[in-house]
Protein backbone atom coordinates (compact mmCIF):
# COMPACT_ATOMS: atom_id res chain seq x y z
CA MET A 1 -14.74 12.29 5.97
CA THR A 2 -13.55 12.30 9.48
CA ILE A 3 -17.26 12.88 10.64
CA TYR A 4 -18.52 10.13 8.14
CA SER A 5 -15.66 7.61 9.03
CA PRO A 6 -13.55 7.75 12.37
CA ILE A 7 -11.00 5.52 10.40
CA PHE A 8 -10.30 8.42 7.77
CA LEU A 9 -7.78 10.49 9.86
CA THR A 10 -6.13 7.50 11.76
CA PHE A 11 -2.38 6.95 11.44
CA ALA A 12 -3.15 3.47 9.78
CA ASN A 13 -5.27 4.95 7.07
CA LEU A 14 -2.90 7.82 6.27
CA SER A 15 0.19 5.56 6.16
CA VAL A 16 -1.83 3.09 3.75
CA LEU A 17 -2.84 6.07 1.65
CA PHE A 18 0.74 7.48 1.32
CA LEU A 19 2.12 3.98 0.55
CA SER A 20 -0.45 3.45 -2.23
CA LEU A 21 0.46 6.83 -3.74
CA SER A 22 4.28 6.36 -3.23
CA ILE A 23 5.20 4.57 -6.63
CA ALA A 24 3.24 7.02 -8.72
CA VAL A 25 4.90 9.91 -6.93
CA ILE A 26 8.36 8.71 -7.79
CA ILE A 27 7.49 8.51 -11.35
CA ALA A 28 5.44 11.93 -11.18
CA VAL A 29 8.81 13.65 -10.25
CA GLY A 30 10.30 12.89 -13.54
CA MET A 31 6.90 13.27 -15.42
CA THR A 32 6.67 16.74 -14.29
CA ASN A 33 9.99 17.60 -15.71
CA LEU A 34 9.35 16.06 -18.97
CA MET A 35 5.68 17.69 -19.27
CA VAL A 36 6.97 21.13 -18.51
CA SER A 37 9.31 20.74 -21.58
CA GLY A 38 6.23 19.97 -23.59
CA GLY A 39 6.60 16.19 -23.72
CA PHE A 40 5.00 13.26 -21.99
CA ASP A 41 5.59 9.51 -21.72
CA MET A 42 2.66 6.91 -21.90
CA SER A 43 4.99 3.80 -21.30
CA VAL A 44 6.08 4.34 -17.78
CA GLY A 45 3.77 1.57 -16.45
CA SER A 46 5.35 -0.87 -19.01
CA VAL A 47 8.92 0.33 -18.27
CA LEU A 48 8.10 -0.17 -14.33
CA ALA A 49 6.98 -3.84 -15.02
CA PHE A 50 10.03 -4.77 -17.36
CA SER A 51 12.49 -3.29 -15.02
CA GLY A 52 10.94 -5.13 -11.97
CA ALA A 53 10.83 -8.36 -13.98
CA MET A 54 14.54 -8.17 -14.92
CA ALA A 55 15.46 -7.30 -11.26
CA GLY A 56 13.66 -10.25 -10.33
CA ILE A 57 15.42 -12.48 -12.93
CA VAL A 58 18.76 -11.42 -11.90
CA LEU A 59 18.06 -12.16 -8.36
CA ARG A 60 16.76 -15.53 -9.15
CA SER A 61 19.99 -16.22 -11.02
CA GLY A 62 21.82 -15.95 -7.72
CA ALA A 63 23.29 -12.14 -8.43
CA PRO A 64 23.64 -9.92 -5.31
CA VAL A 65 20.75 -7.54 -4.55
CA ILE A 66 22.85 -4.25 -5.54
CA ALA A 67 23.37 -5.74 -9.02
CA ALA A 68 19.56 -6.62 -9.38
CA VAL A 69 18.76 -2.84 -8.36
CA LEU A 70 21.13 -1.37 -10.68
CA ILE A 71 20.12 -3.46 -13.61
CA GLY A 72 16.40 -2.64 -12.87
CA ILE A 73 17.31 1.13 -12.91
CA VAL A 74 19.51 1.02 -15.89
CA ILE A 75 17.01 -0.78 -17.96
CA GLY A 76 14.49 1.93 -17.18
CA GLY A 77 17.09 4.55 -18.18
CA LEU A 78 17.66 2.85 -21.57
CA ALA A 79 13.97 2.64 -22.06
CA GLY A 80 13.95 6.37 -21.62
CA LEU A 81 16.89 6.82 -23.78
CA PHE A 82 15.14 5.02 -26.71
CA ASN A 83 11.90 7.13 -26.28
CA GLY A 84 13.94 10.34 -26.15
CA PHE A 85 15.90 9.47 -29.26
CA VAL A 86 12.74 8.56 -31.21
CA VAL A 87 11.03 11.80 -30.20
CA SER A 88 13.75 14.24 -30.33
CA ILE A 89 16.28 12.71 -33.11
CA LEU A 90 13.64 11.07 -35.40
CA GLY A 91 11.04 13.63 -34.67
CA ILE A 92 8.13 11.28 -34.04
CA ASN A 93 5.18 12.43 -32.07
CA PRO A 94 5.50 11.80 -28.29
CA PHE A 95 2.12 10.25 -28.04
CA VAL A 96 2.57 7.73 -30.80
CA THR A 97 6.14 6.94 -29.73
CA THR A 98 5.46 6.20 -26.13
CA LEU A 99 2.26 4.55 -26.78
CA ALA A 100 4.12 2.08 -28.96
CA SER A 101 6.63 1.70 -26.30
CA LEU A 102 4.01 0.80 -23.90
CA SER A 103 3.13 -2.35 -25.84
CA LEU A 104 6.81 -3.05 -26.65
CA PHE A 105 7.97 -2.99 -23.09
CA ARG A 106 4.90 -4.75 -21.78
CA GLY A 107 5.49 -7.43 -24.55
CA LEU A 108 9.15 -7.78 -23.49
CA THR A 109 8.05 -8.16 -19.87
CA LEU A 110 5.81 -11.21 -21.03
CA ILE A 111 8.56 -12.53 -23.15
CA VAL A 112 11.23 -12.71 -20.51
CA THR A 113 8.95 -13.91 -17.83
CA ARG A 114 6.86 -16.43 -20.09
CA GLY A 115 3.87 -14.80 -18.49
CA GLN A 116 4.63 -16.04 -15.11
CA ASN A 117 5.26 -13.86 -11.86
CA ILE A 118 8.60 -14.15 -10.36
CA SER A 119 8.51 -14.99 -6.56
CA GLY A 120 10.77 -16.29 -3.93
CA LEU A 121 12.97 -13.25 -3.97
CA PRO A 122 15.47 -12.75 -1.13
CA ASP A 123 14.66 -10.96 2.02
CA ALA A 124 17.52 -8.57 1.67
CA PHE A 125 15.84 -7.24 -1.60
CA ASN A 126 12.35 -7.19 -0.26
CA ALA A 127 13.55 -5.17 2.64
CA LEU A 128 14.13 -2.21 0.21
CA GLY A 129 10.30 -2.04 0.09
CA GLN A 130 9.02 -3.38 3.00
CA LYS A 131 11.34 -2.15 5.92
CA VAL A 132 9.45 0.23 8.22
CA ILE A 133 11.15 3.56 9.65
CA LEU A 134 9.19 5.75 12.03
CA GLY A 135 6.14 3.95 11.37
CA LEU A 136 6.34 4.50 7.53
CA GLN A 137 7.47 1.88 4.85
CA MET A 138 10.49 2.71 2.72
CA PRO A 139 8.51 3.47 -0.57
CA ILE A 140 7.16 6.52 1.23
CA TRP A 141 10.33 7.91 2.28
CA TYR A 142 11.72 7.38 -1.20
CA ALA A 143 8.94 9.44 -2.71
CA LEU A 144 9.03 12.15 -0.24
CA ILE A 145 13.05 12.60 -0.71
CA LEU A 146 12.50 12.54 -4.28
CA VAL A 147 9.79 15.10 -4.37
CA VAL A 148 12.05 17.53 -2.26
CA ILE A 149 14.94 17.04 -4.51
CA GLY A 150 12.91 17.17 -7.68
CA ASP A 151 11.03 20.38 -6.65
CA ILE A 152 14.41 22.20 -5.74
CA LEU A 153 15.97 21.19 -8.82
CA LEU A 154 13.17 22.30 -11.09
CA ARG A 155 12.59 25.61 -9.30
CA LYS A 156 16.12 26.52 -8.35
CA SER A 157 18.38 24.93 -10.90
CA ARG A 158 19.41 27.04 -13.95
CA PHE A 159 20.05 23.76 -15.86
CA PHE A 160 16.49 22.31 -15.22
CA ARG A 161 14.68 25.56 -15.51
CA GLN A 162 15.46 25.63 -19.31
CA ASN A 163 12.42 23.03 -19.47
CA TYR A 164 10.13 25.99 -18.98
CA TYR A 165 11.74 27.83 -21.94
CA ILE A 166 11.44 24.66 -24.11
CA GLY A 167 7.77 24.12 -23.20
CA GLY A 168 6.95 27.68 -23.58
CA SER A 169 8.35 27.92 -27.12
CA GLU A 170 10.64 25.36 -28.42
CA LYS A 171 11.80 27.58 -31.38
CA SER A 172 12.64 30.57 -29.13
CA ALA A 173 14.52 28.03 -26.97
CA ARG A 174 16.66 27.01 -29.80
CA LEU A 175 17.31 30.66 -30.95
CA SER A 176 18.35 31.45 -27.26
CA GLY A 177 21.19 28.67 -27.49
CA ILE A 178 19.45 25.99 -25.44
CA ALA A 179 20.29 22.57 -26.51
CA VAL A 180 16.72 21.44 -26.94
CA ASP A 181 17.19 17.91 -28.26
CA ARG A 182 19.80 17.21 -25.56
CA MET A 183 17.40 18.41 -22.81
CA LYS A 184 14.48 16.49 -24.11
CA ILE A 185 16.49 13.32 -24.33
CA LEU A 186 17.62 13.69 -20.88
CA ASN A 187 14.13 14.22 -19.65
CA TYR A 188 13.10 11.06 -20.98
CA VAL A 189 15.90 9.20 -19.53
CA ILE A 190 15.18 10.68 -16.03
CA VAL A 191 11.51 9.52 -16.39
CA GLY A 192 12.75 6.19 -17.52
CA LEU A 193 15.25 5.95 -14.55
CA LEU A 194 12.64 6.80 -12.14
CA ALA A 195 10.16 4.23 -13.56
CA GLY A 196 12.91 1.58 -13.29
CA PHE A 197 13.60 2.59 -9.72
CA ALA A 198 9.86 2.47 -9.01
CA GLY A 199 9.59 -0.97 -10.56
CA VAL A 200 12.55 -2.36 -8.26
CA ILE A 201 10.84 -0.78 -5.31
CA MET A 202 7.38 -2.09 -6.16
CA THR A 203 8.67 -5.60 -6.83
CA ALA A 204 10.56 -5.51 -3.30
CA ARG A 205 7.40 -4.16 -1.73
CA MET A 206 5.19 -6.94 -3.05
CA GLY A 207 7.83 -9.64 -2.82
CA THR A 208 7.13 -10.59 -6.39
CA ALA A 209 7.62 -9.35 -9.84
CA SER A 210 4.28 -9.46 -11.34
CA VAL A 211 3.95 -9.26 -15.20
CA THR A 212 0.84 -6.97 -14.58
CA GLN A 213 2.50 -4.56 -12.43
CA GLY A 214 2.10 -0.80 -13.45
CA THR A 215 -0.95 -1.48 -15.62
CA GLY A 216 -2.76 1.83 -15.98
CA LEU A 217 -0.23 3.73 -14.04
CA GLU A 218 0.73 6.15 -16.72
CA LEU A 219 -2.88 7.39 -16.36
CA GLN A 220 -2.60 8.13 -12.85
CA VAL A 221 0.83 9.73 -13.05
CA ILE A 222 -0.12 12.01 -15.96
CA THR A 223 -3.52 13.08 -14.22
CA ALA A 224 -1.73 13.80 -11.16
CA VAL A 225 0.79 16.02 -12.88
CA ILE A 226 -1.97 17.92 -14.74
CA ILE A 227 -4.05 18.37 -11.56
CA GLY A 228 -0.88 19.46 -10.04
CA GLY A 229 -0.67 22.54 -12.47
CA ALA A 230 1.14 21.25 -15.42
CA SER A 231 -0.13 21.97 -18.97
CA LEU A 232 -0.27 19.56 -21.84
CA GLN A 233 1.12 22.20 -24.11
CA GLY A 234 4.24 22.68 -21.87
CA GLY A 235 5.82 25.62 -19.82
CA GLU A 236 3.88 24.99 -16.58
CA GLY A 237 3.96 22.70 -13.66
CA THR A 238 5.96 22.09 -10.32
CA VAL A 239 6.85 18.81 -8.59
CA ILE A 240 5.13 19.73 -5.24
CA GLY A 241 2.09 20.31 -7.47
CA ALA A 242 2.36 16.87 -9.11
CA PHE A 243 2.77 15.61 -5.50
CA LEU A 244 -0.56 17.15 -4.48
CA GLY A 245 -2.20 16.15 -7.38
CA SER A 246 -1.29 12.64 -6.72
CA LEU A 247 -2.34 13.08 -3.18
CA LEU A 248 -5.85 14.27 -4.48
CA MET A 249 -6.17 11.27 -6.68
CA THR A 250 -5.30 8.85 -3.95
CA LEU A 251 -7.73 10.61 -1.39
CA ILE A 252 -10.58 10.35 -3.95
CA THR A 253 -10.02 6.62 -4.27
CA ASN A 254 -9.43 6.26 -0.59
CA VAL A 255 -12.84 8.09 0.16
CA LEU A 256 -14.67 6.03 -2.42
CA THR A 257 -13.31 2.94 -0.65
CA LEU A 258 -14.37 4.11 2.85
CA VAL A 259 -17.95 5.13 1.68
CA GLY A 260 -18.41 1.77 0.04
CA VAL A 261 -18.34 2.74 -3.58
CA ASP A 262 -17.83 -0.33 -6.02
CA VAL A 263 -14.04 -0.73 -6.76
CA TYR A 264 -14.91 -0.88 -10.49
CA TRP A 265 -16.11 2.80 -10.37
CA GLN A 266 -12.78 3.94 -9.20
CA THR A 267 -11.20 3.66 -12.69
CA PHE A 268 -14.02 5.56 -14.13
CA VAL A 269 -13.55 8.46 -11.56
CA THR A 270 -9.85 8.59 -12.44
CA GLY A 271 -10.56 8.93 -16.23
CA ALA A 272 -13.50 11.58 -15.39
CA THR A 273 -11.00 13.46 -13.27
CA LEU A 274 -8.41 13.58 -16.00
CA LEU A 275 -11.06 14.93 -18.56
CA VAL A 276 -12.05 17.49 -16.06
CA ALA A 277 -8.51 18.54 -15.63
CA VAL A 278 -7.62 18.91 -19.23
CA LEU A 279 -10.72 20.85 -19.90
CA ILE A 280 -9.98 23.30 -17.03
CA ASP A 281 -6.28 23.53 -18.64
CA GLN A 282 -7.71 24.10 -21.97
CA TYR A 283 -10.09 26.62 -20.86
CA GLY A 284 -7.43 28.46 -18.92
CA LYS A 285 -5.42 28.73 -21.98
CA VAL A 286 -8.32 30.00 -24.13
CA ARG A 287 -8.80 32.72 -21.52
CA LYS A 288 -5.11 33.89 -21.65
CA GLU A 289 -5.06 33.98 -25.24
CA LYS A 290 -8.33 36.20 -25.08
CA ALA A 291 -6.80 38.35 -22.50
CA ARG A 292 -3.67 39.01 -24.85
CA LYS A 293 -5.79 39.89 -27.65
């Protein structure tokens, strides 16, 4: 790509590239933890939009910036708690639960905003997403910090490593004394909190709370986590892998843009990449099963 386009390896292009993947990476940190335990969340894009919209409404009411930020994050956490409760306590399939939540929270976003974007937000709030440090906008720094913290916790923390046992065999994890339901609920809450935080940051970055924010984001995040080494069956995956998967997806989009491919093909490529990643994951599972026999 550097030979094809001199723009590719410039600082300006790379900074734009990392900025575009930062929001997905923030959520991918929590999604990795969740998928390692055998779950996943299809509602993160809608939770992001709802949290951002509520933060915008609070700001427009005259509340301080810190209050708006906290409310946005807490709303995300409550959304995650709802998903975790339905999946873990009521025993509803994660796909069905979070697919329903996708519509529920998108609907709530449209209800509270009446379908209108919320603009005119204060500069102090917008600085959370627009301020530049060492040439990089704040969302990039948030993403990098969370990747480091999340990777260390999932790799080294005895508490979070329980997710690997849950994803490997939930029955065995219960018999070994792991509080499986509590861990699963916590995982959904963490994803929700990060989606809420991402919604606040995205709203600050754009200076507007858009009702369409986060549309299709769940596909990008789940694709990145799977490409990064996580399995849909659980028990596998790392945060750094999810970061690299997200980087690869963004690189593909960036390359398609630089070579002049129609923007409408980019969504198709994302879906195709997810399909290939799932097929590879499934093929790997089949090979392991045959090797054991």
